[in-house]
Amino acid sequence: MNSTSPLPVVLAITGASGSAYAVRLMQVLLQQENPVHLIISDAAREVARRELNSDFPANDAAPEIWLDFLNQVLLTGRASGWGFATNHISESCRLFVHTQKNYSAGIASGSFLTRGMVICPCSMGTLSSIACGASTNLIQRAADVHLKERRTLVLVPRETPLGLIALQNMTTLTTAGATIMPAAPGLYHQPTTLADIVDFVVARICDHLKIPHSLMNRWGTDD
């Protein structure tokens, strides 16, 4: 990576509801030519199959298969009526997919520079493991690296109601430097489609990564 290349974003997708948030975030990051290092848990694949009626490509799938998936998944099948527009991702996009056990990946080390890490959606099990420093897979290890290096770490839980243990874990992680950003979209941007709701959450994630976007109307600005 040379000095002029944008720093990559680490994106982990775990087994909470909200697959569309993750896919849309991946689209936006790659469209803006941000390299993405992706880790998908086994549970996340099961949830996506149920919510999107589609399977994530295999970790070792060819780049063109991933590109076709990202360009089509929110426009077809169960998502076809959600209101997403066609979003072209360049064939030059840089997407690196890792297995959960690939500890030789650069993102397992603090010496590998990143723009930040997002876990979207973040399951309560993943959140708990990070809070106690378990590091039993690459998702947890990469999150621990971002905490110890004082880099941006955004966790996007999608759970309701929240129990005391989950709230205590969130307090622990916030104290350690993470940002807890529940998938709780606002309505002041006057959404009319499910795509508008999803984009609200993705927009807030991009704000914390300091990535420019025009995904929503901000409070205090004209429509």
C-alpha atoms as a PDB file:
ATOM      1  CA  MET A   1       0.000   0.000   0.000  1.00  0.00           C
ATOM      2  CA  ASN A   2       1.518   3.299  -1.050  1.00  0.00           C
ATOM      3  CA  SER A   3       1.105   6.601   0.775  1.00  0.00           C
ATOM      4  CA  THR A   4      -1.571   7.855  -1.645  1.00  0.00           C
ATOM      5  CA  SER A   5      -3.828   4.796  -1.410  1.00  0.00           C
ATOM      6  CA  PRO A   6      -6.863   5.096   0.892  1.00  0.00           C
ATOM      7  CA  LEU A   7      -6.585   3.100   4.064  1.00  0.00           C
ATOM      8  CA  PRO A   8      -8.822   0.015   4.047  1.00  0.00           C
ATOM      9  CA  VAL A   9     -11.934  -0.479   6.121  1.00  0.00           C
ATOM     10  CA  VAL A  10     -12.449  -3.760   7.965  1.00  0.00           C
ATOM     11  CA  LEU A  11     -16.051  -4.954   7.733  1.00  0.00           C
ATOM     12  CA  ALA A  12     -17.274  -7.897   9.769  1.00  0.00           C
ATOM     13  CA  ILE A  13     -20.770  -9.329   9.320  1.00  0.00           C
ATOM     14  CA  THR A  14     -22.104 -11.445  12.175  1.00  0.00           C
ATOM     15  CA  GLY A  15     -25.298 -13.345  12.898  1.00  0.00           C
ATOM     16  CA  ALA A  16     -27.697 -10.604  13.968  1.00  0.00           C
ATOM     17  CA  SER A  17     -30.641  -9.463  11.874  1.00  0.00           C
ATOM     18  CA  GLY A  18     -29.797  -6.684   9.424  1.00  0.00           C
ATOM     19  CA  SER A  19     -27.998  -8.211   6.430  1.00  0.00           C
ATOM     20  CA  ALA A  20     -29.142  -5.344   4.210  1.00  0.00           C
ATOM     21  CA  TYR A  21     -27.235  -2.829   6.340  1.00  0.00           C
ATOM     22  CA  ALA A  22     -24.013  -4.763   5.777  1.00  0.00           C
ATOM     23  CA  VAL A  23     -24.492  -5.237   2.039  1.00  0.00           C
ATOM     24  CA  ARG A  24     -25.412  -1.593   1.509  1.00  0.00           C
ATOM     25  CA  LEU A  25     -22.420  -0.429   3.549  1.00  0.00           C
ATOM     26  CA  MET A  26     -20.143  -2.649   1.473  1.00  0.00           C
ATOM     27  CA  GLN A  27     -21.589  -1.171  -1.714  1.00  0.00           C
ATOM     28  CA  VAL A  28     -21.027   2.405  -0.556  1.00  0.00           C
ATOM     29  CA  LEU A  29     -17.471   1.757   0.608  1.00  0.00           C
ATOM     30  CA  LEU A  30     -16.453   0.060  -2.628  1.00  0.00           C
ATOM     31  CA  GLN A  31     -18.213   2.603  -4.840  1.00  0.00           C
ATOM     32  CA  GLN A  32     -16.047   5.268  -3.246  1.00  0.00           C
ATOM     33  CA  GLU A  33     -12.953   3.151  -3.889  1.00  0.00           C
ATOM     34  CA  ASN A  34     -12.281   2.309  -0.260  1.00  0.00           C
ATOM     35  CA  PRO A  35     -10.539  -1.061   0.018  1.00  0.00           C
ATOM     36  CA  VAL A  36     -12.560  -3.440   2.181  1.00  0.00           C
ATOM     37  CA  HIS A  37     -11.325  -6.387   4.227  1.00  0.00           C
ATOM     38  CA  LEU A  38     -14.374  -8.579   4.796  1.00  0.00           C
ATOM     39  CA  ILE A  39     -15.075 -11.314   7.342  1.00  0.00           C
ATOM     40  CA  ILE A  40     -18.430 -13.122   7.370  1.00  0.00           C
ATOM     41  CA  SER A  41     -19.417 -15.448  10.198  1.00  0.00           C
ATOM     42  CA  ASP A  42     -21.246 -18.712   9.508  1.00  0.00           C
ATOM     43  CA  ALA A  43     -24.294 -17.401  11.360  1.00  0.00           C
ATOM     44  CA  ALA A  44     -24.290 -14.247   9.206  1.00  0.00           C
ATOM     45  CA  ARG A  45     -24.528 -16.402   6.105  1.00  0.00           C
ATOM     46  CA  GLU A  46     -27.590 -18.160   7.516  1.00  0.00           C
ATOM     47  CA  VAL A  47     -29.276 -14.860   8.400  1.00  0.00           C
ATOM     48  CA  ALA A  48     -28.597 -13.389   4.948  1.00  0.00           C
ATOM     49  CA  ARG A  49     -30.109 -16.455   3.310  1.00  0.00           C
ATOM     50  CA  ARG A  50     -33.290 -15.896   5.306  1.00  0.00           C
ATOM     51  CA  GLU A  51     -33.475 -12.104   4.996  1.00  0.00           C
ATOM     52  CA  LEU A  52     -32.244 -11.569   1.439  1.00  0.00           C
ATOM     53  CA  ASN A  53     -33.180 -14.935  -0.038  1.00  0.00           C
ATOM     54  CA  SER A  54     -29.637 -15.023  -1.324  1.00  0.00           C
ATOM     55  CA  ASP A  55     -26.310 -16.529  -0.306  1.00  0.00           C
ATOM     56  CA  PHE A  56     -23.097 -14.608   0.197  1.00  0.00           C
ATOM     57  CA  PRO A  57     -20.481 -15.906  -2.241  1.00  0.00           C
ATOM     58  CA  ALA A  58     -17.887 -18.303  -0.875  1.00  0.00           C
ATOM     59  CA  ASN A  59     -14.857 -16.751   0.769  1.00  0.00           C
ATOM     60  CA  ASP A  60     -12.675 -17.900  -2.134  1.00  0.00           C
ATOM     61  CA  ALA A  61     -15.144 -16.930  -4.877  1.00  0.00           C
ATOM     62  CA  ALA A  62     -13.726 -15.125  -7.891  1.00  0.00           C
ATOM     63  CA  PRO A  63     -13.864 -11.299  -7.786  1.00  0.00           C
ATOM     64  CA  GLU A  64     -16.420 -11.168 -10.595  1.00  0.00           C
ATOM     65  CA  ILE A  65     -18.786 -13.368  -8.555  1.00  0.00           C
ATOM     66  CA  TRP A  66     -18.583 -11.003  -5.598  1.00  0.00           C
ATOM     67  CA  LEU A  67     -19.058  -8.019  -7.881  1.00  0.00           C
ATOM     68  CA  ASP A  68     -22.143  -9.531  -9.490  1.00  0.00           C
ATOM     69  CA  PHE A  69     -23.574 -10.350  -6.060  1.00  0.00           C
ATOM     70  CA  LEU A  70     -23.069  -6.815  -4.736  1.00  0.00           C
ATOM     71  CA  ASN A  71     -24.521  -5.208  -7.850  1.00  0.00           C
ATOM     72  CA  GLN A  72     -27.648  -7.384  -7.849  1.00  0.00           C
ATOM     73  CA  VAL A  73     -28.549  -8.611  -4.357  1.00  0.00           C
ATOM     74  CA  LEU A  74     -30.513  -5.525  -3.263  1.00  0.00           C
ATOM     75  CA  LEU A  75     -32.354  -5.289  -6.591  1.00  0.00           C
ATOM     76  CA  THR A  76     -33.722  -8.807  -6.961  1.00  0.00           C
ATOM     77  CA  GLY A  77     -35.676 -11.422  -5.080  1.00  0.00           C
ATOM     78  CA  ARG A  78     -37.016 -10.447  -1.684  1.00  0.00           C
ATOM     79  CA  ALA A  79     -35.257  -7.057  -1.824  1.00  0.00           C
ATOM     80  CA  SER A  80     -36.686  -6.069  -5.208  1.00  0.00           C
ATOM     81  CA  GLY A  81     -39.411  -3.895  -3.675  1.00  0.00           C
ATOM     82  CA  TRP A  82     -37.261  -2.159  -1.080  1.00  0.00           C
ATOM     83  CA  GLY A  83     -36.492   0.849  -3.260  1.00  0.00           C
ATOM     84  CA  PHE A  84     -32.751   0.544  -3.844  1.00  0.00           C
ATOM     85  CA  ALA A  85     -31.467   2.106  -7.047  1.00  0.00           C
ATOM     86  CA  THR A  86     -28.986   0.473  -9.382  1.00  0.00           C
ATOM     87  CA  ASN A  87     -25.544   0.911  -7.861  1.00  0.00           C
ATOM     88  CA  HIS A  88     -22.593   0.174 -10.089  1.00  0.00           C
ATOM     89  CA  ILE A  89     -19.387  -0.934  -8.426  1.00  0.00           C
ATOM     90  CA  SER A  90     -16.260  -0.647 -10.519  1.00  0.00           C
ATOM     91  CA  GLU A  91     -14.456  -3.811 -11.533  1.00  0.00           C
ATOM     92  CA  SER A  92     -11.340  -2.246 -10.040  1.00  0.00           C
ATOM     93  CA  CYS A  93     -12.810  -2.383  -6.512  1.00  0.00           C
ATOM     94  CA  ARG A  94     -10.523  -3.890  -3.899  1.00  0.00           C
ATOM     95  CA  LEU A  95     -12.347  -6.467  -1.781  1.00  0.00           C
ATOM     96  CA  PHE A  96     -10.378  -8.911   0.344  1.00  0.00           C
ATOM     97  CA  VAL A  97     -12.335 -11.746   1.956  1.00  0.00           C
ATOM     98  CA  HIS A  98     -10.985 -13.611   4.982  1.00  0.00           C
ATOM     99  CA  THR A  99     -12.106 -16.676   6.893  1.00  0.00           C
ATOM    100  CA  GLN A 100     -12.687 -16.385  10.630  1.00  0.00           C
ATOM    101  CA  LYS A 101      -9.646 -18.555  11.352  1.00  0.00           C
ATOM    102  CA  ASN A 102      -7.175 -16.722   9.103  1.00  0.00           C
ATOM    103  CA  TYR A 103      -4.931 -15.255  11.790  1.00  0.00           C
ATOM    104  CA  SER A 104      -2.217 -14.672   9.186  1.00  0.00           C
ATOM    105  CA  ALA A 105      -4.350 -11.887   7.667  1.00  0.00           C
ATOM    106  CA  GLY A 106      -2.849  -8.423   8.040  1.00  0.00           C
ATOM    107  CA  ILE A 107      -5.895  -7.203   9.970  1.00  0.00           C
ATOM    108  CA  ALA A 108      -4.928  -9.493  12.847  1.00  0.00           C
ATOM    109  CA  SER A 109      -1.998  -7.177  13.617  1.00  0.00           C
ATOM    110  CA  GLY A 110      -1.785  -3.605  14.808  1.00  0.00           C
ATOM    111  CA  SER A 111       1.017  -2.985  12.304  1.00  0.00           C
ATOM    112  CA  PHE A 112      -1.552  -3.236   9.497  1.00  0.00           C
ATOM    113  CA  LEU A 113      -2.988   0.257   9.086  1.00  0.00           C
ATOM    114  CA  THR A 114      -6.721   0.733   8.564  1.00  0.00           C
ATOM    115  CA  ARG A 115      -9.265   3.530   8.462  1.00  0.00           C
ATOM    116  CA  GLY A 116     -11.351   1.697  11.018  1.00  0.00           C
ATOM    117  CA  MET A 117     -13.495  -1.363  11.574  1.00  0.00           C
ATOM    118  CA  VAL A 118     -17.243  -1.868  11.505  1.00  0.00           C
ATOM    119  CA  ILE A 119     -19.136  -4.914  12.754  1.00  0.00           C
ATOM    120  CA  CYS A 120     -22.511  -4.670  11.045  1.00  0.00           C
ATOM    121  CA  PRO A 121     -24.722  -6.156  12.215  1.00  0.00           C
ATOM    122  CA  CYS A 122     -23.094  -7.107  15.493  1.00  0.00           C
ATOM    123  CA  SER A 123     -24.542 -10.069  17.362  1.00  0.00           C
ATOM    124  CA  MET A 124     -24.716 -10.041  21.141  1.00  0.00           C
ATOM    125  CA  GLY A 125     -22.378 -13.036  21.203  1.00  0.00           C
ATOM    126  CA  THR A 126     -19.730 -11.169  19.201  1.00  0.00           C
ATOM    127  CA  LEU A 127     -20.194  -8.046  21.309  1.00  0.00           C
ATOM    128  CA  SER A 128     -19.774 -10.087  24.507  1.00  0.00           C
ATOM    129  CA  SER A 129     -16.629 -11.817  23.226  1.00  0.00           C
ATOM    130  CA  ILE A 130     -14.996  -8.522  22.267  1.00  0.00           C
ATOM    131  CA  ALA A 131     -15.917  -6.976  25.628  1.00  0.00           C
ATOM    132  CA  CYS A 132     -14.085  -9.739  27.481  1.00  0.00           C
ATOM    133  CA  GLY A 133     -11.121  -9.850  25.087  1.00  0.00           C
ATOM    134  CA  ALA A 134     -11.718 -13.418  23.927  1.00  0.00           C
ATOM    135  CA  SER A 135     -10.104 -13.115  20.449  1.00  0.00           C
ATOM    136  CA  THR A 136     -11.189 -16.629  19.497  1.00  0.00           C
ATOM    137  CA  ASN A 137     -11.629 -15.777  15.811  1.00  0.00           C
ATOM    138  CA  LEU A 138     -10.437 -13.153  13.329  1.00  0.00           C
ATOM    139  CA  ILE A 139     -13.466 -10.901  13.861  1.00  0.00           C
ATOM    140  CA  GLN A 140     -12.805 -10.689  17.594  1.00  0.00           C
ATOM    141  CA  ARG A 141      -9.054 -10.363  17.123  1.00  0.00           C
ATOM    142  CA  ALA A 142      -9.376  -7.552  14.567  1.00  0.00           C
ATOM    143  CA  ALA A 143     -11.767  -5.715  16.880  1.00  0.00           C
ATOM    144  CA  ASP A 144      -9.321  -6.112  19.766  1.00  0.00           C
ATOM    145  CA  VAL A 145      -6.553  -4.722  17.541  1.00  0.00           C
ATOM    146  CA  HIS A 146      -8.624  -1.631  16.762  1.00  0.00           C
ATOM    147  CA  LEU A 147      -9.290  -1.047  20.448  1.00  0.00           C
ATOM    148  CA  LYS A 148      -5.663  -1.409  21.494  1.00  0.00           C
ATOM    149  CA  GLU A 149      -4.455   0.783  18.629  1.00  0.00           C
ATOM    150  CA  ARG A 150      -7.102   3.424  19.465  1.00  0.00           C
ATOM    151  CA  ARG A 151      -8.622   3.234  15.993  1.00  0.00           C
ATOM    152  CA  THR A 152     -12.255   3.653  15.043  1.00  0.00           C
ATOM    153  CA  LEU A 153     -14.350   0.620  15.943  1.00  0.00           C
ATOM    154  CA  VAL A 154     -18.093   0.837  15.260  1.00  0.00           C
ATOM    155  CA  LEU A 155     -20.402  -1.899  16.514  1.00  0.00           C
ATOM    156  CA  VAL A 156     -23.909  -1.981  15.040  1.00  0.00           C
ATOM    157  CA  PRO A 157     -26.130  -4.188  17.228  1.00  0.00           C
ATOM    158  CA  ARG A 158     -29.662  -5.009  16.114  1.00  0.00           C
ATOM    159  CA  GLU A 159     -31.343  -6.402  19.207  1.00  0.00           C
ATOM    160  CA  THR A 160     -34.413  -5.445  21.214  1.00  0.00           C
ATOM    161  CA  PRO A 161     -35.001  -5.273  24.076  1.00  0.00           C
ATOM    162  CA  LEU A 162     -31.519  -4.994  25.555  1.00  0.00           C
ATOM    163  CA  GLY A 163     -30.783  -6.984  28.687  1.00  0.00           C
ATOM    164  CA  LEU A 164     -28.528  -5.895  31.520  1.00  0.00           C
ATOM    165  CA  ILE A 165     -25.589  -8.061  30.435  1.00  0.00           C
ATOM    166  CA  ALA A 166     -25.672  -6.609  26.908  1.00  0.00           C
ATOM    167  CA  LEU A 167     -25.869  -3.068  28.294  1.00  0.00           C
ATOM    168  CA  GLN A 168     -22.940  -3.724  30.630  1.00  0.00           C
ATOM    169  CA  ASN A 169     -20.902  -5.105  27.733  1.00  0.00           C
ATOM    170  CA  MET A 170     -21.720  -2.013  25.685  1.00  0.00           C
ATOM    171  CA  THR A 171     -20.585   0.198  28.562  1.00  0.00           C
ATOM    172  CA  THR A 172     -17.320  -1.756  28.772  1.00  0.00           C
ATOM    173  CA  LEU A 173     -16.693  -1.365  25.048  1.00  0.00           C
ATOM    174  CA  THR A 174     -17.602   2.322  25.023  1.00  0.00           C
ATOM    175  CA  THR A 175     -15.165   2.917  27.873  1.00  0.00           C
ATOM    176  CA  ALA A 176     -12.512   1.043  25.871  1.00  0.00           C
ATOM    177  CA  GLY A 177     -13.028   3.350  22.886  1.00  0.00           C
ATOM    178  CA  ALA A 178     -15.609   1.662  20.673  1.00  0.00           C
ATOM    179  CA  THR A 179     -18.687   3.372  19.271  1.00  0.00           C
ATOM    180  CA  ILE A 180     -21.955   1.540  19.869  1.00  0.00           C
ATOM    181  CA  MET A 181     -24.340   2.463  17.056  1.00  0.00           C
ATOM    182  CA  PRO A 182     -27.590   0.492  17.246  1.00  0.00           C
ATOM    183  CA  ALA A 183     -29.402  -0.007  13.953  1.00  0.00           C
ATOM    184  CA  ALA A 184     -32.063   2.484  15.036  1.00  0.00           C
ATOM    185  CA  PRO A 185     -32.912   4.676  12.030  1.00  0.00           C
ATOM    186  CA  GLY A 186     -34.480   8.082  12.505  1.00  0.00           C
ATOM    187  CA  LEU A 187     -37.464   9.399  10.587  1.00  0.00           C
ATOM    188  CA  TYR A 188     -36.640  13.112  10.264  1.00  0.00           C
ATOM    189  CA  HIS A 189     -35.217  12.562   6.785  1.00  0.00           C
ATOM    190  CA  GLN A 190     -38.758  11.591   5.723  1.00  0.00           C
ATOM    191  CA  PRO A 191     -38.100   8.066   4.432  1.00  0.00           C
ATOM    192  CA  THR A 192     -40.515   6.593   1.916  1.00  0.00           C
ATOM    193  CA  THR A 193     -38.817   3.257   1.237  1.00  0.00           C
ATOM    194  CA  LEU A 194     -36.977   0.584   3.153  1.00  0.00           C
ATOM    195  CA  ALA A 195     -33.880   1.700   1.256  1.00  0.00           C
ATOM    196  CA  ASP A 196     -34.169   5.121   2.908  1.00  0.00           C
ATOM    197  CA  ILE A 197     -34.268   3.465   6.331  1.00  0.00           C
ATOM    198  CA  VAL A 198     -31.213   1.329   5.590  1.00  0.00           C
ATOM    199  CA  ASP A 199     -29.298   4.271   4.139  1.00  0.00           C
ATOM    200  CA  PHE A 200     -29.868   6.302   7.315  1.00  0.00           C
ATOM    201  CA  VAL A 201     -27.918   3.769   9.374  1.00  0.00           C
ATOM    202  CA  VAL A 202     -25.245   3.338   6.698  1.00  0.00           C
ATOM    203  CA  ALA A 203     -24.860   7.124   6.514  1.00  0.00           C
ATOM    204  CA  ARG A 204     -24.201   7.376  10.243  1.00  0.00           C
ATOM    205  CA  ILE A 205     -21.592   4.617   9.996  1.00  0.00           C
ATOM    206  CA  CYS A 206     -19.863   6.472   7.149  1.00  0.00           C
ATOM    207  CA  ASP A 207     -19.872   9.655   9.237  1.00  0.00           C
ATOM    208  CA  HIS A 208     -17.868   7.912  11.950  1.00  0.00           C
ATOM    209  CA  LEU A 209     -15.435   6.566   9.359  1.00  0.00           C
ATOM    210  CA  LYS A 210     -15.156  10.116   7.973  1.00  0.00           C
ATOM    211  CA  ILE A 211     -16.310   8.961   4.555  1.00  0.00           C
ATOM    212  CA  PRO A 212     -18.275  11.591   2.576  1.00  0.00           C
ATOM    213  CA  HIS A 213     -21.702  10.586   1.304  1.00  0.00           C
ATOM    214  CA  SER A 214     -25.089  11.913   0.181  1.00  0.00           C
ATOM    215  CA  LEU A 215     -27.208   9.071   1.488  1.00  0.00           C
ATOM    216  CA  MET A 216     -29.661  11.155   3.513  1.00  0.00           C
ATOM    217  CA  ASN A 217     -30.866  14.659   4.268  1.00  0.00           C
ATOM    218  CA  ARG A 218     -29.267  15.878   7.472  1.00  0.00           C
ATOM    219  CA  TRP A 219     -31.115  17.568  10.292  1.00  0.00           C
ATOM    220  CA  GLY A 220     -31.127  21.336   9.790  1.00  0.00           C
ATOM    221  CA  THR A 221     -30.570  21.190   6.026  1.00  0.00           C
ATOM    222  CA  ASP A 222     -33.023  21.785   3.206  1.00  0.00           C
ATOM    223  CA  ASP A 223     -34.611  18.802   1.459  1.00  0.00           C
END
